[in-house]
Amino acid sequence: MTSFAIVSEKGQVTLPKVMRDELGILPGSRLEFRVAPDRTLQVVVLSTGAGSLFGLLAKPGEATRSLGDMDAAITQTVKRRARRSA
């Protein structure tokens, strides 16, 4: 898939909708930018918005989770999605 975008004066780029949809990129998604040795830009989707964290917090009547448990769940989700998009 090939698409084009223009960099604004502030250095901002709007990703084409077809790419956002294909990659599941939502508002709040985290992206990692890498410059390869051949000077190409690589963008990796790390997470797809705050909605991807739904269900990590305890519901009424459930035991609370520690920050360590939440960090581990977030890390696991990010790694799984990174492998899926690679």
PDB file of N, CA and C in Angstrom:
ATOM      1  N   MET A   1       0.846  -1.163   0.000  1.00  0.00           N
ATOM      2  CA  MET A   1       0.000   0.000   0.000  1.00  0.00           C
ATOM      3  C   MET A   1       0.898   1.234   0.000  1.00  0.00           C
ATOM      4  N   THR A   2       0.639   2.146  -0.870  1.00  0.00           N
ATOM      5  CA  THR A   2       1.405   3.382  -0.951  1.00  0.00           C
ATOM      6  C   THR A   2       0.461   4.558  -0.813  1.00  0.00           C
ATOM      7  N   SER A   3       0.822   5.499   0.037  1.00  0.00           N
ATOM      8  CA  SER A   3       0.066   6.737   0.203  1.00  0.00           C
ATOM      9  C   SER A   3       1.061   7.858   0.421  1.00  0.00           C
ATOM     10  N   PHE A   4       0.593   9.070   0.277  1.00  0.00           N
ATOM     11  CA  PHE A   4       1.459  10.228   0.441  1.00  0.00           C
ATOM     12  C   PHE A   4       0.854  11.158   1.483  1.00  0.00           C
ATOM     13  N   ALA A   5       1.722  11.912   2.154  1.00  0.00           N
ATOM     14  CA  ALA A   5       1.287  12.909   3.124  1.00  0.00           C
ATOM     15  C   ALA A   5       2.234  14.093   3.027  1.00  0.00           C
ATOM     16  N   ILE A   6       1.784  15.228   3.525  1.00  0.00           N
ATOM     17  CA  ILE A   6       2.585  16.449   3.504  1.00  0.00           C
ATOM     18  C   ILE A   6       2.904  16.825   4.947  1.00  0.00           C
ATOM     19  N   VAL A   7       4.139  17.223   5.198  1.00  0.00           N
ATOM     20  CA  VAL A   7       4.552  17.654   6.523  1.00  0.00           C
ATOM     21  C   VAL A   7       4.171  19.126   6.698  1.00  0.00           C
ATOM     22  N   SER A   8       3.473  19.444   7.804  1.00  0.00           N
ATOM     23  CA  SER A   8       3.065  20.826   8.067  1.00  0.00           C
ATOM     24  C   SER A   8       4.246  21.638   8.589  1.00  0.00           C
ATOM     25  N   GLU A   9       4.041  22.937   8.749  1.00  0.00           N
ATOM     26  CA  GLU A   9       5.089  23.803   9.286  1.00  0.00           C
ATOM     27  C   GLU A   9       5.492  23.390  10.698  1.00  0.00           C
ATOM     28  N   LYS A  10       4.580  22.770  11.427  1.00  0.00           N
ATOM     29  CA  LYS A  10       4.869  22.301  12.788  1.00  0.00           C
ATOM     30  C   LYS A  10       5.491  20.902  12.800  1.00  0.00           C
ATOM     31  N   GLY A  11       5.736  20.328  11.630  1.00  0.00           N
ATOM     32  CA  GLY A  11       6.309  18.987  11.552  1.00  0.00           C
ATOM     33  C   GLY A  11       5.284  17.883  11.704  1.00  0.00           C
ATOM     34  N   GLN A  12       4.018  18.208  11.594  1.00  0.00           N
ATOM     35  CA  GLN A  12       2.960  17.228  11.764  1.00  0.00           C
ATOM     36  C   GLN A  12       2.595  16.576  10.431  1.00  0.00           C
ATOM     37  N   VAL A  13       2.237  15.311  10.508  1.00  0.00           N
ATOM     38  CA  VAL A  13       1.825  14.555   9.330  1.00  0.00           C
ATOM     39  C   VAL A  13       0.486  13.901   9.647  1.00  0.00           C
ATOM     40  N   THR A  14      -0.451  13.980   8.735  1.00  0.00           N
ATOM     41  CA  THR A  14      -1.719  13.274   8.887  1.00  0.00           C
ATOM     42  C   THR A  14      -1.611  11.964   8.120  1.00  0.00           C
ATOM     43  N   LEU A  15      -1.786  10.871   8.850  1.00  0.00           N
ATOM     44  CA  LEU A  15      -1.745   9.561   8.201  1.00  0.00           C
ATOM     45  C   LEU A  15      -3.015   9.371   7.389  1.00  0.00           C
ATOM     46  N   PRO A  16      -2.899   8.881   6.164  1.00  0.00           N
ATOM     47  CA  PRO A  16      -4.094   8.633   5.359  1.00  0.00           C
ATOM     48  C   PRO A  16      -5.053   7.669   6.072  1.00  0.00           C
ATOM     49  N   LYS A  17      -6.342   7.938   5.963  1.00  0.00           N
ATOM     50  CA  LYS A  17      -7.355   7.146   6.656  1.00  0.00           C
ATOM     51  C   LYS A  17      -7.250   5.661   6.334  1.00  0.00           C
ATOM     52  N   VAL A  18      -6.978   5.332   5.094  1.00  0.00           N
ATOM     53  CA  VAL A  18      -6.892   3.911   4.723  1.00  0.00           C
ATOM     54  C   VAL A  18      -5.789   3.218   5.522  1.00  0.00           C
ATOM     55  N   MET A  19      -4.691   3.915   5.791  1.00  0.00           N
ATOM     56  CA  MET A  19      -3.601   3.322   6.584  1.00  0.00           C
ATOM     57  C   MET A  19      -3.979   3.239   8.059  1.00  0.00           C
ATOM     58  N   ARG A  20      -4.622   4.298   8.583  1.00  0.00           N
ATOM     59  CA  ARG A  20      -5.066   4.258   9.985  1.00  0.00           C
ATOM     60  C   ARG A  20      -6.021   3.088  10.199  1.00  0.00           C
ATOM     61  N   ASP A  21      -6.941   2.910   9.262  1.00  0.00           N
ATOM     62  CA  ASP A  21      -7.902   1.808   9.373  1.00  0.00           C
ATOM     63  C   ASP A  21      -7.205   0.454   9.289  1.00  0.00           C
ATOM     64  N   GLU A  22      -6.299   0.315   8.339  1.00  0.00           N
ATOM     65  CA  GLU A  22      -5.580  -0.955   8.134  1.00  0.00           C
ATOM     66  C   GLU A  22      -4.777  -1.354   9.369  1.00  0.00           C
ATOM     67  N   LEU A  23      -4.165  -0.360  10.023  1.00  0.00           N
ATOM     68  CA  LEU A  23      -3.289  -0.632  11.167  1.00  0.00           C
ATOM     69  C   LEU A  23      -3.990  -0.501  12.512  1.00  0.00           C
ATOM     70  N   GLY A  24      -5.261  -0.103  12.497  1.00  0.00           N
ATOM     71  CA  GLY A  24      -6.003   0.049  13.746  1.00  0.00           C
ATOM     72  C   GLY A  24      -5.528   1.230  14.573  1.00  0.00           C
ATOM     73  N   ILE A  25      -5.026   2.271  13.917  1.00  0.00           N
ATOM     74  CA  ILE A  25      -4.526   3.448  14.627  1.00  0.00           C
ATOM     75  C   ILE A  25      -5.707   4.354  14.965  1.00  0.00           C
ATOM     76  N   LEU A  26      -5.866   4.610  16.264  1.00  0.00           N
ATOM     77  CA  LEU A  26      -6.952   5.437  16.773  1.00  0.00           C
ATOM     78  C   LEU A  26      -6.372   6.653  17.475  1.00  0.00           C
ATOM     79  N   PRO A  27      -7.188   7.676  17.765  1.00  0.00           N
ATOM     80  CA  PRO A  27      -6.679   8.792  18.559  1.00  0.00           C
ATOM     81  C   PRO A  27      -6.081   8.280  19.868  1.00  0.00           C
ATOM     82  N   GLY A  28      -4.921   8.748  20.212  1.00  0.00           N
ATOM     83  CA  GLY A  28      -4.231   8.293  21.419  1.00  0.00           C
ATOM     84  C   GLY A  28      -3.276   7.144  21.177  1.00  0.00           C
ATOM     85  N   SER A  29      -3.242   6.606  19.965  1.00  0.00           N
ATOM     86  CA  SER A  29      -2.315   5.516  19.653  1.00  0.00           C
ATOM     87  C   SER A  29      -0.877   6.007  19.802  1.00  0.00           C
ATOM     88  N   ARG A  30      -0.006   5.092  20.212  1.00  0.00           N
ATOM     89  CA  ARG A  30       1.419   5.415  20.344  1.00  0.00           C
ATOM     90  C   ARG A  30       2.164   4.821  19.154  1.00  0.00           C
ATOM     91  N   LEU A  31       2.994   5.638  18.526  1.00  0.00           N
ATOM     92  CA  LEU A  31       3.791   5.221  17.379  1.00  0.00           C
ATOM     93  C   LEU A  31       5.269   5.403  17.709  1.00  0.00           C
ATOM     94  N   GLU A  32       6.090   4.500  17.233  1.00  0.00           N
ATOM     95  CA  GLU A  32       7.538   4.618  17.390  1.00  0.00           C
ATOM     96  C   GLU A  32       8.134   4.894  16.012  1.00  0.00           C
ATOM     97  N   PHE A  33       9.012   5.887  15.943  1.00  0.00           N
ATOM     98  CA  PHE A  33       9.666   6.248  14.683  1.00  0.00           C
ATOM     99  C   PHE A  33      11.113   5.798  14.735  1.00  0.00           C
ATOM    100  N   ARG A  34      11.562   5.151  13.681  1.00  0.00           N
ATOM    101  CA  ARG A  34      12.949   4.680  13.577  1.00  0.00           C
ATOM    102  C   ARG A  34      13.508   5.113  12.231  1.00  0.00           C
ATOM    103  N   VAL A  35      14.771   5.515  12.241  1.00  0.00           N
ATOM    104  CA  VAL A  35      15.459   5.818  10.992  1.00  0.00           C
ATOM    105  C   VAL A  35      16.402   4.651  10.714  1.00  0.00           C
ATOM    106  N   ALA A  36      16.179   3.981   9.597  1.00  0.00           N
ATOM    107  CA  ALA A  36      16.994   2.838   9.199  1.00  0.00           C
ATOM    108  C   ALA A  36      18.334   3.334   8.648  1.00  0.00           C
ATOM    109  N   PRO A  37      19.331   2.451   8.599  1.00  0.00           N
ATOM    110  CA  PRO A  37      20.642   2.844   8.065  1.00  0.00           C
ATOM    111  C   PRO A  37      20.571   3.432   6.657  1.00  0.00           C
ATOM    112  N   ASP A  38      19.589   3.007   5.863  1.00  0.00           N
ATOM    113  CA  ASP A  38      19.475   3.544   4.497  1.00  0.00           C
ATOM    114  C   ASP A  38      18.653   4.843   4.472  1.00  0.00           C
ATOM    115  N   ARG A  39      18.401   5.418   5.666  1.00  0.00           N
ATOM    116  CA  ARG A  39      17.695   6.692   5.859  1.00  0.00           C
ATOM    117  C   ARG A  39      16.202   6.619   5.533  1.00  0.00           C
ATOM    118  N   THR A  40      15.642   5.419   5.509  1.00  0.00           N
ATOM    119  CA  THR A  40      14.195   5.304   5.383  1.00  0.00           C
ATOM    120  C   THR A  40      13.585   5.421   6.775  1.00  0.00           C
ATOM    121  N   LEU A  41      12.378   5.939   6.830  1.00  0.00           N
ATOM    122  CA  LEU A  41      11.671   6.111   8.091  1.00  0.00           C
ATOM    123  C   LEU A  41      10.749   4.925   8.301  1.00  0.00           C
ATOM    124  N   GLN A  42      10.867   4.303   9.464  1.00  0.00           N
ATOM    125  CA  GLN A  42       9.991   3.193   9.823  1.00  0.00           C
ATOM    126  C   GLN A  42       9.090   3.655  10.964  1.00  0.00           C
ATOM    127  N   VAL A  43       7.822   3.331  10.876  1.00  0.00           N
ATOM    128  CA  VAL A  43       6.870   3.680  11.924  1.00  0.00           C
ATOM    129  C   VAL A  43       6.264   2.385  12.442  1.00  0.00           C
ATOM    130  N   VAL A  44       6.326   2.202  13.762  1.00  0.00           N
ATOM    131  CA  VAL A  44       5.793   0.997  14.392  1.00  0.00           C
ATOM    132  C   VAL A  44       4.648   1.404  15.314  1.00  0.00           C
ATOM    133  N   VAL A  45       3.510   0.747  15.179  1.00  0.00           N
ATOM    134  CA  VAL A  45       2.365   1.014  16.050  1.00  0.00           C
ATOM    135  C   VAL A  45       2.595   0.259  17.357  1.00  0.00           C
ATOM    136  N   LEU A  46       2.733   1.007  18.466  1.00  0.00           N
ATOM    137  CA  LEU A  46       2.962   0.377  19.763  1.00  0.00           C
ATOM    138  C   LEU A  46       1.663   0.062  20.483  1.00  0.00           C
ATOM    139  N   SER A  47       0.701   0.953  20.412  1.00  0.00           N
ATOM    140  CA  SER A  47      -0.608   0.709  21.013  1.00  0.00           C
ATOM    141  C   SER A  47      -1.646   1.500  20.227  1.00  0.00           C
ATOM    142  N   THR A  48      -2.879   1.078  20.341  1.00  0.00           N
ATOM    143  CA  THR A  48      -3.928   1.697  19.534  1.00  0.00           C
ATOM    144  C   THR A  48      -4.948   2.407  20.390  1.00  0.00           C
ATOM    145  N   GLY A  49      -4.511   3.412  21.119  1.00  0.00           N
ATOM    146  CA  GLY A  49      -5.419   4.266  21.879  1.00  0.00           C
ATOM    147  C   GLY A  49      -5.780   3.712  23.244  1.00  0.00           C
ATOM    148  N   ALA A  50      -6.345   4.568  24.056  1.00  0.00           N
ATOM    149  CA  ALA A  50      -6.684   4.206  25.427  1.00  0.00           C
ATOM    150  C   ALA A  50      -7.749   3.118  25.487  1.00  0.00           C
ATOM    151  N   GLY A  51      -8.551   3.002  24.451  1.00  0.00           N
ATOM    152  CA  GLY A  51      -9.581   1.968  24.441  1.00  0.00           C
ATOM    153  C   GLY A  51      -9.002   0.566  24.535  1.00  0.00           C
ATOM    154  N   SER A  52      -7.733   0.414  24.134  1.00  0.00           N
ATOM    155  CA  SER A  52      -7.097  -0.907  24.200  1.00  0.00           C
ATOM    156  C   SER A  52      -6.813  -1.321  25.643  1.00  0.00           C
ATOM    157  N   LEU A  53      -6.917  -0.389  26.590  1.00  0.00           N
ATOM    158  CA  LEU A  53      -6.664  -0.698  28.000  1.00  0.00           C
ATOM    159  C   LEU A  53      -7.947  -1.069  28.739  1.00  0.00           C
ATOM    160  N   PHE A  54      -9.085  -1.062  28.031  1.00  0.00           N
ATOM    161  CA  PHE A  54     -10.367  -1.357  28.658  1.00  0.00           C
ATOM    162  C   PHE A  54     -10.312  -2.705  29.371  1.00  0.00           C
ATOM    163  N   GLY A  55     -10.790  -2.730  30.586  1.00  0.00           N
ATOM    164  CA  GLY A  55     -10.867  -3.977  31.336  1.00  0.00           C
ATOM    165  C   GLY A  55      -9.687  -4.236  32.235  1.00  0.00           C
ATOM    166  N   LEU A  56      -8.664  -3.380  32.217  1.00  0.00           N
ATOM    167  CA  LEU A  56      -7.505  -3.607  33.065  1.00  0.00           C
ATOM    168  C   LEU A  56      -7.771  -3.241  34.523  1.00  0.00           C
ATOM    169  N   LEU A  57      -8.703  -2.347  34.767  1.00  0.00           N
ATOM    170  CA  LEU A  57      -9.003  -1.939  36.135  1.00  0.00           C
ATOM    171  C   LEU A  57     -10.072  -2.836  36.731  1.00  0.00           C
ATOM    172  N   ALA A  58     -10.048  -2.935  38.044  1.00  0.00           N
ATOM    173  CA  ALA A  58     -11.007  -3.798  38.742  1.00  0.00           C
ATOM    174  C   ALA A  58     -12.423  -3.245  38.626  1.00  0.00           C
ATOM    175  N   LYS A  59     -13.361  -4.153  38.527  1.00  0.00           N
ATOM    176  CA  LYS A  59     -14.775  -3.798  38.530  1.00  0.00           C
ATOM    177  C   LYS A  59     -15.266  -3.880  39.979  1.00  0.00           C
ATOM    178  N   PRO A  60     -16.377  -3.251  40.295  1.00  0.00           N
ATOM    179  CA  PRO A  60     -16.889  -3.352  41.660  1.00  0.00           C
ATOM    180  C   PRO A  60     -17.031  -4.808  42.091  1.00  0.00           C
ATOM    181  N   GLY A  61     -16.510  -5.105  43.273  1.00  0.00           N
ATOM    182  CA  GLY A  61     -16.570  -6.466  43.789  1.00  0.00           C
ATOM    183  C   GLY A  61     -15.371  -7.323  43.428  1.00  0.00           C
ATOM    184  N   GLU A  62     -14.548  -6.882  42.479  1.00  0.00           N
ATOM    185  CA  GLU A  62     -13.345  -7.634  42.117  1.00  0.00           C
ATOM    186  C   GLU A  62     -12.156  -7.115  42.909  1.00  0.00           C
ATOM    187  N   ALA A  63     -11.166  -7.960  43.065  1.00  0.00           N
ATOM    188  CA  ALA A  63      -9.939  -7.548  43.754  1.00  0.00           C
ATOM    189  C   ALA A  63      -9.214  -6.504  42.908  1.00  0.00           C
ATOM    190  N   THR A  64      -8.588  -5.544  43.570  1.00  0.00           N
ATOM    191  CA  THR A  64      -7.824  -4.536  42.835  1.00  0.00           C
ATOM    192  C   THR A  64      -6.534  -5.142  42.325  1.00  0.00           C
ATOM    193  N   ARG A  65      -5.977  -4.514  41.292  1.00  0.00           N
ATOM    194  CA  ARG A  65      -4.721  -4.977  40.712  1.00  0.00           C
ATOM    195  C   ARG A  65      -3.628  -3.986  41.060  1.00  0.00           C
ATOM    196  N   SER A  66      -2.440  -4.490  41.279  1.00  0.00           N
ATOM    197  CA  SER A  66      -1.315  -3.610  41.612  1.00  0.00           C
ATOM    198  C   SER A  66      -0.834  -2.888  40.356  1.00  0.00           C
ATOM    199  N   LEU A  67      -0.074  -1.820  40.563  1.00  0.00           N
ATOM    200  CA  LEU A  67       0.515  -1.119  39.420  1.00  0.00           C
ATOM    201  C   LEU A  67       1.423  -2.060  38.633  1.00  0.00           C
ATOM    202  N   GLY A  68       2.112  -2.934  39.324  1.00  0.00           N
ATOM    203  CA  GLY A  68       2.967  -3.911  38.644  1.00  0.00           C
ATOM    204  C   GLY A  68       2.166  -4.829  37.742  1.00  0.00           C
ATOM    205  N   ASP A  69       1.004  -5.279  38.233  1.00  0.00           N
ATOM    206  CA  ASP A  69       0.126  -6.127  37.415  1.00  0.00           C
ATOM    207  C   ASP A  69      -0.363  -5.376  36.182  1.00  0.00           C
ATOM    208  N   MET A  70      -0.745  -4.102  36.380  1.00  0.00           N
ATOM    209  CA  MET A  70      -1.216  -3.304  35.253  1.00  0.00           C
ATOM    210  C   MET A  70      -0.092  -3.045  34.255  1.00  0.00           C
ATOM    211  N   ASP A  71       1.110  -2.720  34.746  1.00  0.00           N
ATOM    212  CA  ASP A  71       2.249  -2.506  33.853  1.00  0.00           C
ATOM    213  C   ASP A  71       2.563  -3.767  33.048  1.00  0.00           C
ATOM    214  N   ALA A  72       2.512  -4.915  33.707  1.00  0.00           N
ATOM    215  CA  ALA A  72       2.787  -6.182  33.022  1.00  0.00           C
ATOM    216  C   ALA A  72       1.743  -6.451  31.936  1.00  0.00           C
ATOM    217  N   ALA A  73       0.472  -6.169  32.233  1.00  0.00           N
ATOM    218  CA  ALA A  73      -0.587  -6.391  31.247  1.00  0.00           C
ATOM    219  C   ALA A  73      -0.426  -5.458  30.056  1.00  0.00           C
ATOM    220  N   ILE A  74      -0.080  -4.196  30.331  1.00  0.00           N
ATOM    221  CA  ILE A  74       0.125  -3.235  29.247  1.00  0.00           C
ATOM    222  C   ILE A  74       1.307  -3.658  28.390  1.00  0.00           C
ATOM    223  N   THR A  75       2.418  -4.028  29.024  1.00  0.00           N
ATOM    224  CA  THR A  75       3.609  -4.465  28.287  1.00  0.00           C
ATOM    225  C   THR A  75       3.299  -5.674  27.419  1.00  0.00           C
ATOM    226  N   GLN A  76       2.583  -6.631  27.963  1.00  0.00           N
ATOM    227  CA  GLN A  76       2.219  -7.833  27.216  1.00  0.00           C
ATOM    228  C   GLN A  76       1.359  -7.484  26.006  1.00  0.00           C
ATOM    229  N   THR A  77       0.406  -6.592  26.177  1.00  0.00           N
ATOM    230  CA  THR A  77      -0.471  -6.192  25.077  1.00  0.00           C
ATOM    231  C   THR A  77       0.308  -5.474  23.986  1.00  0.00           C
ATOM    232  N   VAL A  78       1.186  -4.561  24.378  1.00  0.00           N
ATOM    233  CA  VAL A  78       1.997  -3.814  23.408  1.00  0.00           C
ATOM    234  C   VAL A  78       2.892  -4.765  22.625  1.00  0.00           C
ATOM    235  N   LYS A  79       3.557  -5.695  23.301  1.00  0.00           N
ATOM    236  CA  LYS A  79       4.434  -6.653  22.614  1.00  0.00           C
ATOM    237  C   LYS A  79       3.642  -7.531  21.652  1.00  0.00           C
ATOM    238  N   ARG A  80       2.463  -7.982  22.080  1.00  0.00           N
ATOM    239  CA  ARG A  80       1.648  -8.833  21.213  1.00  0.00           C
ATOM    240  C   ARG A  80       1.226  -8.093  19.954  1.00  0.00           C
ATOM    241  N   ARG A  81       0.819  -6.841  20.122  1.00  0.00           N
ATOM    242  CA  ARG A  81       0.401  -6.056  18.953  1.00  0.00           C
ATOM    243  C   ARG A  81       1.576  -5.696  18.065  1.00  0.00           C
ATOM    244  N   ALA A  82       2.751  -5.475  18.643  1.00  0.00           N
ATOM    245  CA  ALA A  82       3.930  -5.175  17.848  1.00  0.00           C
ATOM    246  C   ALA A  82       4.324  -6.389  16.996  1.00  0.00           C
ATOM    247  N   ARG A  83       4.224  -7.591  17.575  1.00  0.00           N
ATOM    248  CA  ARG A  83       4.539  -8.812  16.817  1.00  0.00           C
ATOM    249  C   ARG A  83       3.535  -9.002  15.686  1.00  0.00           C
ATOM    250  N   ARG A  84       2.282  -8.696  15.976  1.00  0.00           N
ATOM    251  CA  ARG A  84       1.218  -8.870  14.977  1.00  0.00           C
ATOM    252  C   ARG A  84       1.411  -7.920  13.798  1.00  0.00           C
ATOM    253  N   SER A  85       1.910  -6.692  14.054  1.00  0.00           N
ATOM    254  CA  SER A  85       2.054  -5.718  12.988  1.00  0.00           C
ATOM    255  C   SER A  85       3.402  -5.823  12.277  1.00  0.00           C
ATOM    256  N   ALA A  86       4.304  -6.662  12.786  1.00  0.00           N
ATOM    257  CA  ALA A  86       5.633  -6.795  12.156  1.00  0.00           C
ATOM    258  C   ALA A  86       5.595  -7.688  10.950  1.00  0.00           C
TER     259      ALA A  86
END
